[in-house]
């Protein structure tokens, strides 16, 4: 199949990923969802860098276009409700990695360098948001992240070329979505804390993230 052809999986990846932002934005407007705004700004910069690099390799991750539009909408909604920025040194470090990725790309002529470094920056930038969500999983929309997981799954199914440009981003997004869903879906277990707190995996994560 040609790289530029659009499959059902592409459409499903885009659809689920875009749908994730509907309950998310609604939650922000109702003040029931409290996103870490600095993380979203960092993600927008990194998503854009990854998309540009992927296009240079003649790849178009459709879910990534949904992420970029969604990030813009989330950031705009946060500005509308006058949410705090919460910019940290970690965010500056992540943006710095993206700038470094662009410089190395221009020097080497290899877009894969930009993709790898940008994904690394995205991983590092997600740490602060993950810690915040672990401390209070109710700050995020459960439905939004489940839709995000669906989009990430279909994004992997839509992979046409198992290369750095064609496959690394969707696989990374799926891994990240699984991690965040593990963290955020904890909100459904609050009514039964004893059963939940005895799960070894979560006992270990609690010790690591809440120190």
C-alpha atoms as a PDB file:
ATOM      1  CA  UNK A   1       0.000   0.000   0.000  1.00  0.00           C
ATOM      2  CA  UNK A   2       1.262   3.481  -0.835  1.00  0.00           C
ATOM      3  CA  UNK A   3       2.550   5.678   1.927  1.00  0.00           C
ATOM      4  CA  UNK A   4       0.191   8.510   1.037  1.00  0.00           C
ATOM      5  CA  UNK A   5      -2.981   6.410   0.934  1.00  0.00           C
ATOM      6  CA  UNK A   6      -5.556   6.877   3.671  1.00  0.00           C
ATOM      7  CA  UNK A   7      -6.859   3.743   5.385  1.00  0.00           C
ATOM      8  CA  UNK A   8      -9.773   3.122   7.702  1.00  0.00           C
ATOM      9  CA  UNK A   9      -7.285   2.895  10.558  1.00  0.00           C
ATOM     10  CA  UNK A  10      -5.978   6.375   9.694  1.00  0.00           C
ATOM     11  CA  UNK A  11      -9.491   7.773   9.896  1.00  0.00           C
ATOM     12  CA  UNK A  12     -10.251   5.942  13.148  1.00  0.00           C
ATOM     13  CA  UNK A  13      -6.968   7.111  14.666  1.00  0.00           C
ATOM     14  CA  UNK A  14      -7.794  10.705  13.749  1.00  0.00           C
ATOM     15  CA  UNK A  15     -11.440  10.397  14.815  1.00  0.00           C
ATOM     16  CA  UNK A  16     -10.804   8.911  18.258  1.00  0.00           C
ATOM     17  CA  UNK A  17      -7.880  11.252  18.907  1.00  0.00           C
ATOM     18  CA  UNK A  18      -9.944  14.305  17.949  1.00  0.00           C
ATOM     19  CA  UNK A  19     -12.972  13.093  19.935  1.00  0.00           C
ATOM     20  CA  UNK A  20     -10.828  12.924  23.073  1.00  0.00           C
ATOM     21  CA  UNK A  21     -10.685  16.713  23.215  1.00  0.00           C
ATOM     22  CA  UNK A  22     -14.471  17.198  23.363  1.00  0.00           C
ATOM     23  CA  UNK A  23     -14.986  15.971  26.967  1.00  0.00           C
ATOM     24  CA  UNK A  24     -11.601  17.421  27.871  1.00  0.00           C
ATOM     25  CA  UNK A  25     -12.501  20.950  26.786  1.00  0.00           C
ATOM     26  CA  UNK A  26     -15.952  20.615  28.337  1.00  0.00           C
ATOM     27  CA  UNK A  27     -14.307  19.631  31.616  1.00  0.00           C
ATOM     28  CA  UNK A  28     -12.002  22.648  31.495  1.00  0.00           C
ATOM     29  CA  UNK A  29     -14.941  24.986  30.939  1.00  0.00           C
ATOM     30  CA  UNK A  30     -16.797  23.401  33.866  1.00  0.00           C
ATOM     31  CA  UNK A  31     -13.606  23.566  35.974  1.00  0.00           C
ATOM     32  CA  UNK A  32     -13.806  19.808  36.624  1.00  0.00           C
ATOM     33  CA  UNK A  33     -10.688  19.162  34.535  1.00  0.00           C
ATOM     34  CA  UNK A  34      -7.465  20.864  35.632  1.00  0.00           C
ATOM     35  CA  UNK A  35      -4.781  20.247  33.008  1.00  0.00           C
ATOM     36  CA  UNK A  36      -1.147  21.176  33.460  1.00  0.00           C
ATOM     37  CA  UNK A  37      -1.072  24.020  30.931  1.00  0.00           C
ATOM     38  CA  UNK A  38       2.715  24.147  30.593  1.00  0.00           C
ATOM     39  CA  UNK A  39       2.742  20.483  29.536  1.00  0.00           C
ATOM     40  CA  UNK A  40       0.221  21.180  26.784  1.00  0.00           C
ATOM     41  CA  UNK A  41       2.302  24.060  25.424  1.00  0.00           C
ATOM     42  CA  UNK A  42       5.377  21.834  25.419  1.00  0.00           C
ATOM     43  CA  UNK A  43       3.405  19.061  23.718  1.00  0.00           C
ATOM     44  CA  UNK A  44       2.201  21.459  21.005  1.00  0.00           C
ATOM     45  CA  UNK A  45       5.781  22.494  20.210  1.00  0.00           C
ATOM     46  CA  UNK A  46       7.018  18.905  20.215  1.00  0.00           C
ATOM     47  CA  UNK A  47       4.063  17.536  18.207  1.00  0.00           C
ATOM     48  CA  UNK A  48       4.638  20.198  15.570  1.00  0.00           C
ATOM     49  CA  UNK A  49       8.346  19.347  15.370  1.00  0.00           C
ATOM     50  CA  UNK A  50       7.572  15.631  14.993  1.00  0.00           C
ATOM     51  CA  UNK A  51       4.943  16.289  12.303  1.00  0.00           C
ATOM     52  CA  UNK A  52       7.301  18.492  10.263  1.00  0.00           C
ATOM     53  CA  UNK A  53      10.047  15.861  10.495  1.00  0.00           C
ATOM     54  CA  UNK A  54       7.627  13.070   9.542  1.00  0.00           C
ATOM     55  CA  UNK A  55       6.404  15.042   6.527  1.00  0.00           C
ATOM     56  CA  UNK A  56      10.026  15.453   5.453  1.00  0.00           C
ATOM     57  CA  UNK A  57      10.155  11.641   5.358  1.00  0.00           C
ATOM     58  CA  UNK A  58       6.864  11.550   3.406  1.00  0.00           C
ATOM     59  CA  UNK A  59       4.906  10.210   6.370  1.00  0.00           C
ATOM     60  CA  UNK A  60       1.677  11.694   7.716  1.00  0.00           C
ATOM     61  CA  UNK A  61       0.529  10.374  11.131  1.00  0.00           C
ATOM     62  CA  UNK A  62      -3.129  11.420  11.064  1.00  0.00           C
ATOM     63  CA  UNK A  63      -3.499  11.128  14.817  1.00  0.00           C
ATOM     64  CA  UNK A  64      -0.674  13.648  15.180  1.00  0.00           C
ATOM     65  CA  UNK A  65      -2.641  16.261  13.246  1.00  0.00           C
ATOM     66  CA  UNK A  66      -5.509  15.717  15.685  1.00  0.00           C
ATOM     67  CA  UNK A  67      -3.097  16.141  18.606  1.00  0.00           C
ATOM     68  CA  UNK A  68      -1.819  19.463  17.268  1.00  0.00           C
ATOM     69  CA  UNK A  69      -5.291  20.894  16.668  1.00  0.00           C
ATOM     70  CA  UNK A  70      -6.413  19.537  20.037  1.00  0.00           C
ATOM     71  CA  UNK A  71      -3.455  21.112  21.847  1.00  0.00           C
ATOM     72  CA  UNK A  72      -4.291  24.488  20.313  1.00  0.00           C
ATOM     73  CA  UNK A  73      -7.912  24.156  21.432  1.00  0.00           C
ATOM     74  CA  UNK A  74      -6.952  23.060  24.969  1.00  0.00           C
ATOM     75  CA  UNK A  75      -4.439  25.893  25.345  1.00  0.00           C
ATOM     76  CA  UNK A  76      -6.984  28.396  24.018  1.00  0.00           C
ATOM     77  CA  UNK A  77      -9.609  27.100  26.435  1.00  0.00           C
ATOM     78  CA  UNK A  78      -7.155  27.386  29.318  1.00  0.00           C
ATOM     79  CA  UNK A  79      -6.461  30.992  28.373  1.00  0.00           C
ATOM     80  CA  UNK A  80     -10.194  31.639  28.177  1.00  0.00           C
ATOM     81  CA  UNK A  81     -10.770  30.397  31.737  1.00  0.00           C
ATOM     82  CA  UNK A  82      -7.544  32.166  32.844  1.00  0.00           C
ATOM     83  CA  UNK A  83      -5.823  29.003  34.046  1.00  0.00           C
ATOM     84  CA  UNK A  84      -2.346  29.364  35.503  1.00  0.00           C
ATOM     85  CA  UNK A  85       0.591  28.679  33.202  1.00  0.00           C
ATOM     86  CA  UNK A  86       2.681  26.644  35.633  1.00  0.00           C
ATOM     87  CA  UNK A  87       5.807  26.855  33.460  1.00  0.00           C
ATOM     88  CA  UNK A  88       8.777  25.084  35.023  1.00  0.00           C
ATOM     89  CA  UNK A  89      12.462  24.501  34.328  1.00  0.00           C
ATOM     90  CA  UNK A  90      11.486  21.059  33.062  1.00  0.00           C
ATOM     91  CA  UNK A  91       9.315  22.649  30.354  1.00  0.00           C
ATOM     92  CA  UNK A  92      12.198  24.926  29.348  1.00  0.00           C
ATOM     93  CA  UNK A  93      14.471  21.879  29.152  1.00  0.00           C
ATOM     94  CA  UNK A  94      11.991  20.061  26.881  1.00  0.00           C
ATOM     95  CA  UNK A  95      11.607  23.019  24.525  1.00  0.00           C
ATOM     96  CA  UNK A  96      15.397  23.282  24.506  1.00  0.00           C
ATOM     97  CA  UNK A  97      15.608  19.666  23.343  1.00  0.00           C
ATOM     98  CA  UNK A  98      13.229  20.451  20.465  1.00  0.00           C
ATOM     99  CA  UNK A  99      15.404  23.412  19.452  1.00  0.00           C
ATOM    100  CA  UNK A 100      18.461  21.150  19.622  1.00  0.00           C
ATOM    101  CA  UNK A 101      16.614  18.624  17.463  1.00  0.00           C
ATOM    102  CA  UNK A 102      15.955  21.288  14.832  1.00  0.00           C
ATOM    103  CA  UNK A 103      19.618  22.362  14.844  1.00  0.00           C
ATOM    104  CA  UNK A 104      20.893  18.781  14.541  1.00  0.00           C
ATOM    105  CA  UNK A 105      18.389  18.121  11.752  1.00  0.00           C
ATOM    106  CA  UNK A 106      19.637  21.161   9.832  1.00  0.00           C
ATOM    107  CA  UNK A 107      23.242  20.010  10.277  1.00  0.00           C
ATOM    108  CA  UNK A 108      22.751  16.308   9.533  1.00  0.00           C
ATOM    109  CA  UNK A 109      19.927  16.538   7.039  1.00  0.00           C
ATOM    110  CA  UNK A 110      18.234  13.605   8.776  1.00  0.00           C
ATOM    111  CA  UNK A 111      14.668  14.254  10.032  1.00  0.00           C
ATOM    112  CA  UNK A 112      14.858  11.075  12.136  1.00  0.00           C
ATOM    113  CA  UNK A 113      17.163  12.929  14.537  1.00  0.00           C
ATOM    114  CA  UNK A 114      14.442  15.509  15.151  1.00  0.00           C
ATOM    115  CA  UNK A 115      11.802  12.812  15.678  1.00  0.00           C
ATOM    116  CA  UNK A 116      13.861  10.879  18.227  1.00  0.00           C
ATOM    117  CA  UNK A 117      14.916  13.959  20.195  1.00  0.00           C
ATOM    118  CA  UNK A 118      11.410  15.447  20.138  1.00  0.00           C
ATOM    119  CA  UNK A 119       9.899  12.213  21.426  1.00  0.00           C
ATOM    120  CA  UNK A 120      12.553  12.132  24.133  1.00  0.00           C
ATOM    121  CA  UNK A 121      11.590  15.667  25.084  1.00  0.00           C
ATOM    122  CA  UNK A 122       7.924  14.676  25.112  1.00  0.00           C
ATOM    123  CA  UNK A 123       8.670  11.787  27.460  1.00  0.00           C
ATOM    124  CA  UNK A 124      10.570  14.051  29.850  1.00  0.00           C
ATOM    125  CA  UNK A 125       7.870  16.733  29.605  1.00  0.00           C
ATOM    126  CA  UNK A 126       5.160  14.241  30.506  1.00  0.00           C
ATOM    127  CA  UNK A 127       6.735  13.418  33.852  1.00  0.00           C
ATOM    128  CA  UNK A 128       5.419  16.488  35.693  1.00  0.00           C
ATOM    129  CA  UNK A 129       1.904  15.961  34.346  1.00  0.00           C
ATOM    130  CA  UNK A 130       2.029  12.282  35.287  1.00  0.00           C
ATOM    131  CA  UNK A 131       3.037  13.154  38.846  1.00  0.00           C
ATOM    132  CA  UNK A 132       0.242  15.736  39.131  1.00  0.00           C
ATOM    133  CA  UNK A 133      -2.312  13.251  37.806  1.00  0.00           C
ATOM    134  CA  UNK A 134      -1.103  10.518  40.131  1.00  0.00           C
ATOM    135  CA  UNK A 135      -1.573  12.837  43.106  1.00  0.00           C
ATOM    136  CA  UNK A 136      -5.078  13.768  41.914  1.00  0.00           C
ATOM    137  CA  UNK A 137      -6.459  11.599  39.074  1.00  0.00           C
ATOM    138  CA  UNK A 138      -9.756  13.528  39.210  1.00  0.00           C
ATOM    139  CA  UNK A 139      -8.067  16.539  37.614  1.00  0.00           C
ATOM    140  CA  UNK A 140      -8.243  14.756  34.243  1.00  0.00           C
ATOM    141  CA  UNK A 141     -11.141  13.525  32.111  1.00  0.00           C
ATOM    142  CA  UNK A 142     -11.436   9.742  32.184  1.00  0.00           C
ATOM    143  CA  UNK A 143     -13.482   9.617  28.953  1.00  0.00           C
ATOM    144  CA  UNK A 144     -11.032  11.863  27.113  1.00  0.00           C
ATOM    145  CA  UNK A 145      -8.098   9.624  27.902  1.00  0.00           C
ATOM    146  CA  UNK A 146     -10.012   6.484  26.952  1.00  0.00           C
ATOM    147  CA  UNK A 147     -10.736   8.073  23.554  1.00  0.00           C
ATOM    148  CA  UNK A 148      -7.071   8.998  23.332  1.00  0.00           C
ATOM    149  CA  UNK A 149      -6.162   5.362  23.978  1.00  0.00           C
ATOM    150  CA  UNK A 150      -8.508   4.254  21.190  1.00  0.00           C
ATOM    151  CA  UNK A 151      -6.884   6.702  18.797  1.00  0.00           C
ATOM    152  CA  UNK A 152      -3.417   5.517  19.817  1.00  0.00           C
ATOM    153  CA  UNK A 153      -4.353   1.873  19.219  1.00  0.00           C
ATOM    154  CA  UNK A 154      -5.708   2.634  15.748  1.00  0.00           C
ATOM    155  CA  UNK A 155      -2.637   4.793  15.126  1.00  0.00           C
ATOM    156  CA  UNK A 156      -0.427   1.735  15.564  1.00  0.00           C
ATOM    157  CA  UNK A 157      -2.770  -0.305  13.358  1.00  0.00           C
ATOM    158  CA  UNK A 158      -2.404   2.410  10.686  1.00  0.00           C
ATOM    159  CA  UNK A 159       1.393   2.085  10.496  1.00  0.00           C
ATOM    160  CA  UNK A 160       2.420   1.479   6.881  1.00  0.00           C
ATOM    161  CA  UNK A 161       6.196   1.610   7.174  1.00  0.00           C
ATOM    162  CA  UNK A 162       8.008   0.247  10.217  1.00  0.00           C
ATOM    163  CA  UNK A 163      10.651   2.949  10.191  1.00  0.00           C
ATOM    164  CA  UNK A 164      11.590   5.680  12.670  1.00  0.00           C
ATOM    165  CA  UNK A 165       9.510   8.231  10.781  1.00  0.00           C
ATOM    166  CA  UNK A 166       6.580   5.918  10.152  1.00  0.00           C
ATOM    167  CA  UNK A 167       6.321   3.847  13.324  1.00  0.00           C
ATOM    168  CA  UNK A 168       8.200   5.331  16.274  1.00  0.00           C
ATOM    169  CA  UNK A 169       5.715   8.136  16.985  1.00  0.00           C
ATOM    170  CA  UNK A 170       2.535   5.978  16.966  1.00  0.00           C
ATOM    171  CA  UNK A 171       4.187   3.325  19.152  1.00  0.00           C
ATOM    172  CA  UNK A 172       5.397   6.011  21.566  1.00  0.00           C
ATOM    173  CA  UNK A 173       1.945   7.643  21.698  1.00  0.00           C
ATOM    174  CA  UNK A 174       0.324   4.287  22.464  1.00  0.00           C
ATOM    175  CA  UNK A 175       2.798   3.619  25.278  1.00  0.00           C
ATOM    176  CA  UNK A 176       2.267   7.099  26.713  1.00  0.00           C
ATOM    177  CA  UNK A 177      -1.512   6.749  26.515  1.00  0.00           C
ATOM    178  CA  UNK A 178      -1.420   3.402  28.333  1.00  0.00           C
ATOM    179  CA  UNK A 179       0.664   4.920  31.132  1.00  0.00           C
ATOM    180  CA  UNK A 180      -1.628   7.909  31.537  1.00  0.00           C
ATOM    181  CA  UNK A 181      -4.733   5.743  31.471  1.00  0.00           C
ATOM    182  CA  UNK A 182      -3.267   3.584  34.244  1.00  0.00           C
ATOM    183  CA  UNK A 183      -2.700   6.741  36.269  1.00  0.00           C
ATOM    184  CA  UNK A 184      -5.970   8.545  35.485  1.00  0.00           C
ATOM    185  CA  UNK A 185      -8.419   5.633  35.606  1.00  0.00           C
ATOM    186  CA  UNK A 186      -7.461   5.232  39.282  1.00  0.00           C
ATOM    187  CA  UNK A 187     -10.219   7.741  39.976  1.00  0.00           C
ATOM    188  CA  UNK A 188     -12.774   4.940  39.566  1.00  0.00           C
ATOM    189  CA  UNK A 189     -11.234   2.984  42.435  1.00  0.00           C
ATOM    190  CA  UNK A 190     -11.479   5.731  45.034  1.00  0.00           C
ATOM    191  CA  UNK A 191     -14.615   4.186  46.493  1.00  0.00           C
ATOM    192  CA  UNK A 192     -12.695   0.984  47.211  1.00  0.00           C
ATOM    193  CA  UNK A 193      -9.266   2.172  48.307  1.00  0.00           C
ATOM    194  CA  UNK A 194      -8.340  -0.969  50.228  1.00  0.00           C
ATOM    195  CA  UNK A 195      -8.731  -3.270  47.239  1.00  0.00           C
ATOM    196  CA  UNK A 196      -6.912  -0.861  44.973  1.00  0.00           C
ATOM    197  CA  UNK A 197      -4.049   0.075  47.286  1.00  0.00           C
ATOM    198  CA  UNK A 198      -3.059  -3.576  47.715  1.00  0.00           C
ATOM    199  CA  UNK A 199      -2.172  -3.981  44.038  1.00  0.00           C
ATOM    200  CA  UNK A 200       1.675  -4.297  44.008  1.00  0.00           C
ATOM    201  CA  UNK A 201       2.152  -2.242  40.821  1.00  0.00           C
ATOM    202  CA  UNK A 202       0.290   0.749  42.216  1.00  0.00           C
ATOM    203  CA  UNK A 203       1.950   0.469  45.632  1.00  0.00           C
ATOM    204  CA  UNK A 204       5.321   0.725  43.869  1.00  0.00           C
ATOM    205  CA  UNK A 205       4.222   3.652  41.690  1.00  0.00           C
ATOM    206  CA  UNK A 206       2.808   5.471  44.672  1.00  0.00           C
ATOM    207  CA  UNK A 207       6.138   5.244  46.466  1.00  0.00           C
ATOM    208  CA  UNK A 208       8.059   6.456  43.415  1.00  0.00           C
ATOM    209  CA  UNK A 209       5.784   9.311  42.348  1.00  0.00           C
ATOM    210  CA  UNK A 210       4.685  10.698  45.704  1.00  0.00           C
ATOM    211  CA  UNK A 211       8.102  11.044  47.346  1.00  0.00           C
END
